[in-house]
Structures are given as C-alpha cells and as structure tokens.
C-alpha cells in the first residue's frame, strides 16, 4: 500500500491499542472520540486521565487531532495510515458476497462488458464511486523526449513515441526547473530509454533510482521527477469507467459543496484519477491513497483503494473505489482485492 514518507515514533502497545479503538470508533460513529468514551470502550483498566495522557502523545505525533474546539479527537491522514498498515485486521468476504461478484462477472460476455460490470459492482457493493482503468493494448515505445520550462512549476513535455507520434503535454512539478536542468534530464532519459516501452522504462528507472534516492544529486532528482510524471501513457477520456459517483453525495464527510464540485470535476476530466491509478499498475495487490497522499487537492477528503488486474501475467489496468477517508477499510480492501482477482480470472481465456 502507498505509504507516507515520514513515519511516527514507535508506539507502545497501549498507544497502538488506543489508536486502533479510536479510529474504529470514529469510522463507525463519525463523531470525535473523547477520553471517557475511549476509556469505556477500550477494554483497558485505565482512567480517563491516563487515556488523556496517551491521546496527548498521539496528538503530538500527528496521528490524531481535535477538529475545531471539540474535546474529542479524530484520526489524521497519518493516523489512518498507521491504522491501515499496522493495526487493521481485514476480514474475508463471506461466500455469498464472493458468489455475487463471481456470478455478475461470469454473466458478462466480452472484455468491455466485464470491466463495466466490475465498476458497477464495486460501486453497488461499497456504496462509493467505482473505477476501472480500461486495458490499453498498444505499447508505446519511447523515441525521444524534450522538456521546456513554462511559467511557475510547469514543464512542457514533447514526447515522440512509436514511429512518428508526437505528444505534447504539460506537467506540474514539485519545484521550478531551469532550462539547463531539463536539458540534462532529457539527455539522460533519451540515452537510457530510447527504443524501450514507455511503461517499462518508467517503472525500471523509478525502481532503480528510488533505491539510492538519498544519495542522488539535484540533477538526478530531476530525472526521477521527469520520468515519473512525463513517462505516463497519455489517457483518453474513454480509458476510465467511473460508476456511482452520486453515492458520494450521501456522505456527511463530503458535504462541502466546493469539495464535491472539485471531486466531480476530477471525475469528468479523468486525467488526475488516471495518473493516480497508473501509480498502482505495479502494486503487489491492493494499493491505498489516503487524503492528501494522492497529491491531488480534489481527493484530500477521500481515500482511493485500488488494485491491478491482469491476464496471462500481463497487467492490463487498475480498478478501485473512491470514498471518504472515514471508510470501513477492513471491508472495502477485500472487496477491491477479490474483484480484481475475479476479473483477472475472467479475462484470462478471453484476452
């Protein structure tokens, strides 16, 4: 699963247990959790004062905070991340739910119907927005890349792929780059990637350089960012199915109209979601972006749970759901995982 770069200090068993209970109580109740409620439901023989001391430690670590002037606490994005990575116990889907997914997918008669069914199933079962990135069968071979600085933290990418196809796109970078830095990054990538498959080149460069990231100089860090953002296969509007986005209107957590408008704009434009899902193409199983971990403001109040699907050992795309950060992860994660595996199995003889 996707992880934040900063990790909190090691938690004691007591602090882990109280964080787990607090997150579970907040997910199920939706109200900030106070020390008295936590003392009552924690199963530990601790006074509210002792609980408050532990909560103060968790707050200092950035794992919980107080919304507005409430005396209760809610998990932060980092708190959710610790919960999901180290404290969550996922449960297997019951046989009836697995059979429902299996029967629905088996009822589809072609690859297009299969992925559409998967998106609808994910939305119906989770009551969230279902996503499926459609397979892109044609490989894109890198011929040449050029970067030109634009205003602010924007770069124009001129990418020549296959024989003579030219793609121009604008990417948003983490800092301003000089023309010289961009030229050096382009020279490196042209030497390393010319004639190679775009996705493979991107994946291998990121994997190789990320292993020694702390020792990279400024120019090589530019190479990492350019490869990460420029070597993403351009997606058309028909490359993604989004189903059931109106379910998100039912969540109090997403009731802010500006936030909903941004979210629905992202669904309509699709490019941000596709770039996000593209990061899950090489994931080993379920991948999770919580709140601002996605890097896109539209998803700050959401979590994206995704998993790749394949046929004959080849990753074809990614499916998943978008919902509020206050979701039942122990249920949503196995739903996404099982759907990806069943879709992969169904596509195998038909691909």
Foldseek 3Di string as FASTA:
>chain_A
DDDDPDAFDDDDPVLLLLLLVQLVCCLVPVDFAALVNSCVPSPDVDDSVVSVVSVVVCVVRVQWDDDDPDNGIYGDLNVLRCCVPPPDDFDADDPVLLVVLLVQLVPDDALVSNQVSLQQSLCVVQLFKKKWFFFDPDWWAWAFWAWDFDPWQKIWIWTATDPGDTDIDIDGDPGGDDNVLRVLLRVVCNVQGHGHTLLVSLVVLLVVCVVVVVPDDPSVVVNNRCSLTVSDPDDDQPRMDIPNNVSQCVDPLQVPPVLSVLLVVCNNVVPLVQSLQSVQQPPDFKDKQAACSSVDPSQNQKMWIKHFAAEPPHTGIMITGIHGNSGDCSHRRNSRRSSRDSSNVSCHVRD
